[in-house]
Amino acid sequence: MAQRPMCPAICRQLAAQRAVTIVRLPLLNEAARAEARLRMRELAEAEVPALLFLDRLAGLTLERRAGGGEGRPPPP
């Protein structure tokens, strides 16, 4: 098995819960964090289903975590 260069504990926990894909974005400044929050909010509030043309996906869960904290949905 190939070694993962950096696999934080939360990624191992999500993998144990059978998460297939985890996107981890190290956002290094406030502008990047604000942009990511905006895009997640837009995706969460979209009137068109995000999975409309992604029929091979069973589901999509959006969570944001800060500093390895508990997952929470994007803010309203």
PDB file of N, CA and C in Angstrom:
ATOM      1  N   MET A   1       0.850  -1.176   0.000  1.00  0.00           N
ATOM      2  CA  MET A   1       0.000   0.000   0.000  1.00  0.00           C
ATOM      3  C   MET A   1       0.896   1.239   0.000  1.00  0.00           C
ATOM      4  N   ALA A   2       0.568   2.205  -0.826  1.00  0.00           N
ATOM      5  CA  ALA A   2       1.354   3.436  -0.911  1.00  0.00           C
ATOM      6  C   ALA A   2       1.166   4.279   0.348  1.00  0.00           C
ATOM      7  N   GLN A   3       2.243   4.875   0.794  1.00  0.00           N
ATOM      8  CA  GLN A   3       2.181   5.761   1.949  1.00  0.00           C
ATOM      9  C   GLN A   3       1.535   7.082   1.565  1.00  0.00           C
ATOM     10  N   ARG A   4       0.659   7.575   2.402  1.00  0.00           N
ATOM     11  CA  ARG A   4       0.077   8.896   2.193  1.00  0.00           C
ATOM     12  C   ARG A   4       1.045   9.915   2.762  1.00  0.00           C
ATOM     13  N   PRO A   5       1.368  10.970   2.001  1.00  0.00           N
ATOM     14  CA  PRO A   5       2.342  11.938   2.493  1.00  0.00           C
ATOM     15  C   PRO A   5       1.895  12.638   3.774  1.00  0.00           C
ATOM     16  N   MET A   6       0.611  12.932   3.893  1.00  0.00           N
ATOM     17  CA  MET A   6       0.111  13.590   5.091  1.00  0.00           C
ATOM     18  C   MET A   6      -1.357  13.221   5.244  1.00  0.00           C
ATOM     19  N   CYS A   7      -1.675  12.475   6.261  1.00  0.00           N
ATOM     20  CA  CYS A   7      -3.044  12.032   6.470  1.00  0.00           C
ATOM     21  C   CYS A   7      -3.439  12.348   7.910  1.00  0.00           C
ATOM     22  N   PRO A   8      -4.048  13.536   8.128  1.00  0.00           N
ATOM     23  CA  PRO A   8      -4.459  13.903   9.483  1.00  0.00           C
ATOM     24  C   PRO A   8      -5.471  12.904  10.050  1.00  0.00           C
ATOM     25  N   ALA A   9      -5.585  12.892  11.352  1.00  0.00           N
ATOM     26  CA  ALA A   9      -6.492  11.968  12.039  1.00  0.00           C
ATOM     27  C   ALA A   9      -7.919  12.074  11.516  1.00  0.00           C
ATOM     28  N   ILE A  10      -8.389  13.291  11.237  1.00  0.00           N
ATOM     29  CA  ILE A  10      -9.773  13.450  10.756  1.00  0.00           C
ATOM     30  C   ILE A  10      -9.983  12.732   9.427  1.00  0.00           C
ATOM     31  N   CYS A  11      -8.982  12.728   8.564  1.00  0.00           N
ATOM     32  CA  CYS A  11      -9.106  12.013   7.293  1.00  0.00           C
ATOM     33  C   CYS A  11      -9.203  10.516   7.523  1.00  0.00           C
ATOM     34  N   ARG A  12      -8.423   9.999   8.455  1.00  0.00           N
ATOM     35  CA  ARG A  12      -8.509   8.569   8.782  1.00  0.00           C
ATOM     36  C   ARG A  12      -9.881   8.237   9.369  1.00  0.00           C
ATOM     37  N   GLN A  13     -10.420   9.131  10.207  1.00  0.00           N
ATOM     38  CA  GLN A  13     -11.746   8.903  10.795  1.00  0.00           C
ATOM     39  C   GLN A  13     -12.820   8.884   9.710  1.00  0.00           C
ATOM     40  N   LEU A  14     -12.757   9.838   8.780  1.00  0.00           N
ATOM     41  CA  LEU A  14     -13.749   9.878   7.702  1.00  0.00           C
ATOM     42  C   LEU A  14     -13.632   8.644   6.813  1.00  0.00           C
ATOM     43  N   ALA A  15     -12.424   8.211   6.543  1.00  0.00           N
ATOM     44  CA  ALA A  15     -12.229   6.997   5.749  1.00  0.00           C
ATOM     45  C   ALA A  15     -12.828   5.784   6.468  1.00  0.00           C
ATOM     46  N   ALA A  16     -12.670   5.725   7.775  1.00  0.00           N
ATOM     47  CA  ALA A  16     -13.243   4.628   8.548  1.00  0.00           C
ATOM     48  C   ALA A  16     -14.767   4.641   8.495  1.00  0.00           C
ATOM     49  N   GLN A  17     -15.353   5.833   8.285  1.00  0.00           N
ATOM     50  CA  GLN A  17     -16.814   5.967   8.147  1.00  0.00           C
ATOM     51  C   GLN A  17     -17.255   5.747   6.707  1.00  0.00           C
ATOM     52  N   ARG A  18     -16.331   5.293   5.872  1.00  0.00           N
ATOM     53  CA  ARG A  18     -16.572   4.936   4.473  1.00  0.00           C
ATOM     54  C   ARG A  18     -16.732   6.138   3.555  1.00  0.00           C
ATOM     55  N   ALA A  19     -16.179   7.282   3.926  1.00  0.00           N
ATOM     56  CA  ALA A  19     -16.151   8.419   3.009  1.00  0.00           C
ATOM     57  C   ALA A  19     -15.233   8.027   1.851  1.00  0.00           C
ATOM     58  N   VAL A  20     -15.651   8.304   0.648  1.00  0.00           N
ATOM     59  CA  VAL A  20     -14.875   7.907  -0.518  1.00  0.00           C
ATOM     60  C   VAL A  20     -13.912   9.007  -0.940  1.00  0.00           C
ATOM     61  N   THR A  21     -14.375  10.233  -0.946  1.00  0.00           N
ATOM     62  CA  THR A  21     -13.535  11.356  -1.364  1.00  0.00           C
ATOM     63  C   THR A  21     -13.597  12.445  -0.306  1.00  0.00           C
ATOM     64  N   ILE A  22     -12.446  12.897   0.093  1.00  0.00           N
ATOM     65  CA  ILE A  22     -12.352  13.983   1.061  1.00  0.00           C
ATOM     66  C   ILE A  22     -11.527  15.079   0.404  1.00  0.00           C
ATOM     67  N   VAL A  23     -12.063  16.273   0.361  1.00  0.00           N
ATOM     68  CA  VAL A  23     -11.322  17.404  -0.197  1.00  0.00           C
ATOM     69  C   VAL A  23     -10.874  18.259   0.970  1.00  0.00           C
ATOM     70  N   ARG A  24      -9.593  18.370   1.117  1.00  0.00           N
ATOM     71  CA  ARG A  24      -9.010  19.139   2.218  1.00  0.00           C
ATOM     72  C   ARG A  24      -8.301  20.341   1.608  1.00  0.00           C
ATOM     73  N   LEU A  25      -8.770  21.519   1.945  1.00  0.00           N
ATOM     74  CA  LEU A  25      -8.212  22.745   1.381  1.00  0.00           C
ATOM     75  C   LEU A  25      -7.494  23.542   2.456  1.00  0.00           C
ATOM     76  N   PRO A  26      -6.174  23.587   2.415  1.00  0.00           N
ATOM     77  CA  PRO A  26      -5.453  24.438   3.365  1.00  0.00           C
ATOM     78  C   PRO A  26      -5.542  25.899   2.907  1.00  0.00           C
ATOM     79  N   LEU A  27      -6.460  26.634   3.471  1.00  0.00           N
ATOM     80  CA  LEU A  27      -6.694  28.026   3.080  1.00  0.00           C
ATOM     81  C   LEU A  27      -5.816  28.917   3.950  1.00  0.00           C
ATOM     82  N   LEU A  28      -4.829  29.529   3.319  1.00  0.00           N
ATOM     83  CA  LEU A  28      -3.753  30.178   4.068  1.00  0.00           C
ATOM     84  C   LEU A  28      -3.998  31.630   4.444  1.00  0.00           C
ATOM     85  N   ASN A  29      -5.020  32.256   3.870  1.00  0.00           N
ATOM     86  CA  ASN A  29      -5.274  33.652   4.249  1.00  0.00           C
ATOM     87  C   ASN A  29      -6.778  33.897   4.295  1.00  0.00           C
ATOM     88  N   GLU A  30      -7.166  35.031   4.840  1.00  0.00           N
ATOM     89  CA  GLU A  30      -8.580  35.328   5.026  1.00  0.00           C
ATOM     90  C   GLU A  30      -9.328  35.440   3.705  1.00  0.00           C
ATOM     91  N   ALA A  31      -8.689  35.977   2.677  1.00  0.00           N
ATOM     92  CA  ALA A  31      -9.348  36.094   1.369  1.00  0.00           C
ATOM     93  C   ALA A  31      -9.703  34.710   0.819  1.00  0.00           C
ATOM     94  N   ALA A  32      -8.793  33.769   0.945  1.00  0.00           N
ATOM     95  CA  ALA A  32      -9.055  32.399   0.472  1.00  0.00           C
ATOM     96  C   ALA A  32     -10.163  31.748   1.291  1.00  0.00           C
ATOM     97  N   ARG A  33     -10.139  31.955   2.601  1.00  0.00           N
ATOM     98  CA  ARG A  33     -11.194  31.390   3.453  1.00  0.00           C
ATOM     99  C   ARG A  33     -12.555  31.984   3.119  1.00  0.00           C
ATOM    100  N   ALA A  34     -12.611  33.282   2.899  1.00  0.00           N
ATOM    101  CA  ALA A  34     -13.879  33.944   2.557  1.00  0.00           C
ATOM    102  C   ALA A  34     -14.411  33.425   1.220  1.00  0.00           C
ATOM    103  N   GLU A  35     -13.536  33.245   0.246  1.00  0.00           N
ATOM    104  CA  GLU A  35     -13.951  32.730  -1.071  1.00  0.00           C
ATOM    105  C   GLU A  35     -14.492  31.301  -0.938  1.00  0.00           C
ATOM    106  N   ALA A  36     -13.820  30.473  -0.166  1.00  0.00           N
ATOM    107  CA  ALA A  36     -14.283  29.097   0.023  1.00  0.00           C
ATOM    108  C   ALA A  36     -15.636  29.063   0.727  1.00  0.00           C
ATOM    109  N   ARG A  37     -15.816  29.903   1.753  1.00  0.00           N
ATOM    110  CA  ARG A  37     -17.119  29.975   2.445  1.00  0.00           C
ATOM    111  C   ARG A  37     -18.214  30.401   1.475  1.00  0.00           C
ATOM    112  N   LEU A  38     -17.930  31.399   0.644  1.00  0.00           N
ATOM    113  CA  LEU A  38     -18.905  31.876  -0.335  1.00  0.00           C
ATOM    114  C   LEU A  38     -19.300  30.764  -1.298  1.00  0.00           C
ATOM    115  N   ARG A  39     -18.313  30.066  -1.848  1.00  0.00           N
ATOM    116  CA  ARG A  39     -18.604  29.006  -2.828  1.00  0.00           C
ATOM    117  C   ARG A  39     -19.366  27.844  -2.189  1.00  0.00           C
ATOM    118  N   MET A  40     -19.024  27.486  -0.971  1.00  0.00           N
ATOM    119  CA  MET A  40     -19.761  26.407  -0.298  1.00  0.00           C
ATOM    120  C   MET A  40     -21.195  26.825  -0.020  1.00  0.00           C
ATOM    121  N   ARG A  41     -21.384  28.076   0.392  1.00  0.00           N
ATOM    122  CA  ARG A  41     -22.731  28.587   0.648  1.00  0.00           C
ATOM    123  C   ARG A  41     -23.541  28.575  -0.647  1.00  0.00           C
ATOM    124  N   GLU A  42     -22.946  29.013  -1.751  1.00  0.00           N
ATOM    125  CA  GLU A  42     -23.646  29.002  -3.040  1.00  0.00           C
ATOM    126  C   GLU A  42     -24.044  27.584  -3.438  1.00  0.00           C
ATOM    127  N   LEU A  43     -23.148  26.642  -3.235  1.00  0.00           N
ATOM    128  CA  LEU A  43     -23.446  25.254  -3.574  1.00  0.00           C
ATOM    129  C   LEU A  43     -24.562  24.701  -2.694  1.00  0.00           C
ATOM    130  N   ALA A  44     -24.506  25.010  -1.407  1.00  0.00           N
ATOM    131  CA  ALA A  44     -25.520  24.514  -0.470  1.00  0.00           C
ATOM    132  C   ALA A  44     -26.894  25.113  -0.732  1.00  0.00           C
ATOM    133  N   GLU A  45     -26.935  26.357  -1.199  1.00  0.00           N
ATOM    134  CA  GLU A  45     -28.210  27.057  -1.395  1.00  0.00           C
ATOM    135  C   GLU A  45     -28.718  27.018  -2.839  1.00  0.00           C
ATOM    136  N   ALA A  46     -27.993  26.363  -3.713  1.00  0.00           N
ATOM    137  CA  ALA A  46     -28.372  26.333  -5.127  1.00  0.00           C
ATOM    138  C   ALA A  46     -29.759  25.722  -5.311  1.00  0.00           C
ATOM    139  N   GLU A  47     -30.537  26.335  -6.196  1.00  0.00           N
ATOM    140  CA  GLU A  47     -31.875  25.811  -6.480  1.00  0.00           C
ATOM    141  C   GLU A  47     -31.819  24.633  -7.448  1.00  0.00           C
ATOM    142  N   VAL A  48     -30.766  24.565  -8.235  1.00  0.00           N
ATOM    143  CA  VAL A  48     -30.564  23.441  -9.141  1.00  0.00           C
ATOM    144  C   VAL A  48     -29.768  22.386  -8.381  1.00  0.00           C
ATOM    145  N   PRO A  49     -30.208  21.138  -8.410  1.00  0.00           N
ATOM    146  CA  PRO A  49     -29.496  20.097  -7.665  1.00  0.00           C
ATOM    147  C   PRO A  49     -28.039  19.980  -8.109  1.00  0.00           C
ATOM    148  N   ALA A  50     -27.124  19.955  -7.159  1.00  0.00           N
ATOM    149  CA  ALA A  50     -25.692  19.861  -7.469  1.00  0.00           C
ATOM    150  C   ALA A  50     -25.361  18.550  -8.182  1.00  0.00           C
ATOM    151  N   LEU A  51     -26.137  17.515  -7.942  1.00  0.00           N
ATOM    152  CA  LEU A  51     -25.862  16.204  -8.531  1.00  0.00           C
ATOM    153  C   LEU A  51     -26.649  15.948  -9.812  1.00  0.00           C
ATOM    154  N   LEU A  52     -27.225  16.978 -10.393  1.00  0.00           N
ATOM    155  CA  LEU A  52     -28.093  16.821 -11.553  1.00  0.00           C
ATOM    156  C   LEU A  52     -27.457  15.969 -12.658  1.00  0.00           C
ATOM    157  N   PHE A  53     -26.203  16.238 -13.000  1.00  0.00           N
ATOM    158  CA  PHE A  53     -25.549  15.498 -14.073  1.00  0.00           C
ATOM    159  C   PHE A  53     -24.464  14.562 -13.550  1.00  0.00           C
ATOM    160  N   LEU A  54     -24.460  14.336 -12.267  1.00  0.00           N
ATOM    161  CA  LEU A  54     -23.471  13.458 -11.659  1.00  0.00           C
ATOM    162  C   LEU A  54     -24.161  12.193 -11.164  1.00  0.00           C
ATOM    163  N   ASP A  55     -24.777  11.479 -12.090  1.00  0.00           N
ATOM    164  CA  ASP A  55     -25.623  10.354 -11.727  1.00  0.00           C
ATOM    165  C   ASP A  55     -24.869   9.178 -11.115  1.00  0.00           C
ATOM    166  N   ARG A  56     -23.572   9.145 -11.202  1.00  0.00           N
ATOM    167  CA  ARG A  56     -22.819   8.042 -10.607  1.00  0.00           C
ATOM    168  C   ARG A  56     -22.469   8.315  -9.143  1.00  0.00           C
ATOM    169  N   LEU A  57     -22.808   9.495  -8.656  1.00  0.00           N
ATOM    170  CA  LEU A  57     -22.588   9.802  -7.235  1.00  0.00           C
ATOM    171  C   LEU A  57     -23.841   9.467  -6.440  1.00  0.00           C
ATOM    172  N   ALA A  58     -23.646   8.833  -5.321  1.00  0.00           N
ATOM    173  CA  ALA A  58     -24.781   8.489  -4.475  1.00  0.00           C
ATOM    174  C   ALA A  58     -25.200   9.664  -3.608  1.00  0.00           C
ATOM    175  N   GLY A  59     -24.276  10.569  -3.317  1.00  0.00           N
ATOM    176  CA  GLY A  59     -24.612  11.697  -2.459  1.00  0.00           C
ATOM    177  C   GLY A  59     -23.467  12.680  -2.371  1.00  0.00           C
ATOM    178  N   LEU A  60     -23.794  13.827  -1.813  1.00  0.00           N
ATOM    179  CA  LEU A  60     -22.812  14.886  -1.624  1.00  0.00           C
ATOM    180  C   LEU A  60     -23.073  15.500  -0.261  1.00  0.00           C
ATOM    181  N   THR A  61     -22.072  15.519   0.585  1.00  0.00           N
ATOM    182  CA  THR A  61     -22.177  16.113   1.909  1.00  0.00           C
ATOM    183  C   THR A  61     -21.182  17.251   2.003  1.00  0.00           C
ATOM    184  N   LEU A  62     -21.671  18.433   2.347  1.00  0.00           N
ATOM    185  CA  LEU A  62     -20.800  19.588   2.532  1.00  0.00           C
ATOM    186  C   LEU A  62     -20.605  19.821   4.016  1.00  0.00           C
ATOM    187  N   GLU A  63     -19.366  19.853   4.433  1.00  0.00           N
ATOM    188  CA  GLU A  63     -19.029  20.191   5.814  1.00  0.00           C
ATOM    189  C   GLU A  63     -17.834  21.108   5.766  1.00  0.00           C
ATOM    190  N   ARG A  64     -17.795  22.031   6.689  1.00  0.00           N
ATOM    191  CA  ARG A  64     -16.573  22.815   6.808  1.00  0.00           C
ATOM    192  C   ARG A  64     -16.039  22.629   8.204  1.00  0.00           C
ATOM    193  N   ARG A  65     -14.749  22.529   8.299  1.00  0.00           N
ATOM    194  CA  ARG A  65     -14.088  22.318   9.583  1.00  0.00           C
ATOM    195  C   ARG A  65     -12.973  23.327   9.678  1.00  0.00           C
ATOM    196  N   ALA A  66     -12.825  23.898  10.817  1.00  0.00           N
ATOM    197  CA  ALA A  66     -11.752  24.850  11.052  1.00  0.00           C
ATOM    198  C   ALA A  66     -10.811  24.270  12.092  1.00  0.00           C
ATOM    199  N   GLY A  67      -9.565  24.125  11.736  1.00  0.00           N
ATOM    200  CA  GLY A  67      -8.584  23.625  12.685  1.00  0.00           C
ATOM    201  C   GLY A  67      -8.876  22.240  13.193  1.00  0.00           C
ATOM    202  N   GLY A  68      -9.471  21.381  12.349  1.00  0.00           N
ATOM    203  CA  GLY A  68      -9.737  20.004  12.741  1.00  0.00           C
ATOM    204  C   GLY A  68     -10.934  19.844  13.647  1.00  0.00           C
ATOM    205  N   GLY A  69     -11.761  20.878  13.766  1.00  0.00           N
ATOM    206  CA  GLY A  69     -12.928  20.819  14.642  1.00  0.00           C
ATOM    207  C   GLY A  69     -14.037  19.960  14.066  1.00  0.00           C
ATOM    208  N   GLU A  70     -15.145  19.939  14.756  1.00  0.00           N
ATOM    209  CA  GLU A  70     -16.300  19.168  14.332  1.00  0.00           C
ATOM    210  C   GLU A  70     -16.848  19.721  13.017  1.00  0.00           C
ATOM    211  N   GLY A  71     -17.360  18.825  12.177  1.00  0.00           N
ATOM    212  CA  GLY A  71     -17.949  19.246  10.915  1.00  0.00           C
ATOM    213  C   GLY A  71     -19.238  19.994  11.127  1.00  0.00           C
ATOM    214  N   ARG A  72     -19.508  20.937  10.266  1.00  0.00           N
ATOM    215  CA  ARG A  72     -20.757  21.689  10.324  1.00  0.00           C
ATOM    216  C   ARG A  72     -21.120  22.110   8.908  1.00  0.00           C
ATOM    217  N   PRO A  73     -22.401  22.295   8.646  1.00  0.00           N
ATOM    218  CA  PRO A  73     -22.806  22.713   7.304  1.00  0.00           C
ATOM    219  C   PRO A  73     -22.315  24.135   7.034  1.00  0.00           C
ATOM    220  N   PRO A  74     -22.240  24.508   5.747  1.00  0.00           N
ATOM    221  CA  PRO A  74     -21.851  25.876   5.422  1.00  0.00           C
ATOM    222  C   PRO A  74     -22.801  26.869   6.092  1.00  0.00           C
ATOM    223  N   PRO A  75     -22.304  28.032   6.506  1.00  0.00           N
ATOM    224  CA  PRO A  75     -23.159  29.016   7.177  1.00  0.00           C
ATOM    225  C   PRO A  75     -24.186  29.605   6.220  1.00  0.00           C
ATOM    226  N   PRO A  76     -25.336  30.053   6.740  1.00  0.00           N
ATOM    227  CA  PRO A  76     -26.377  30.640   5.875  1.00  0.00           C
ATOM    228  C   PRO A  76     -25.946  31.991   5.338  1.00  0.00           C
TER     229      PRO A  76
END
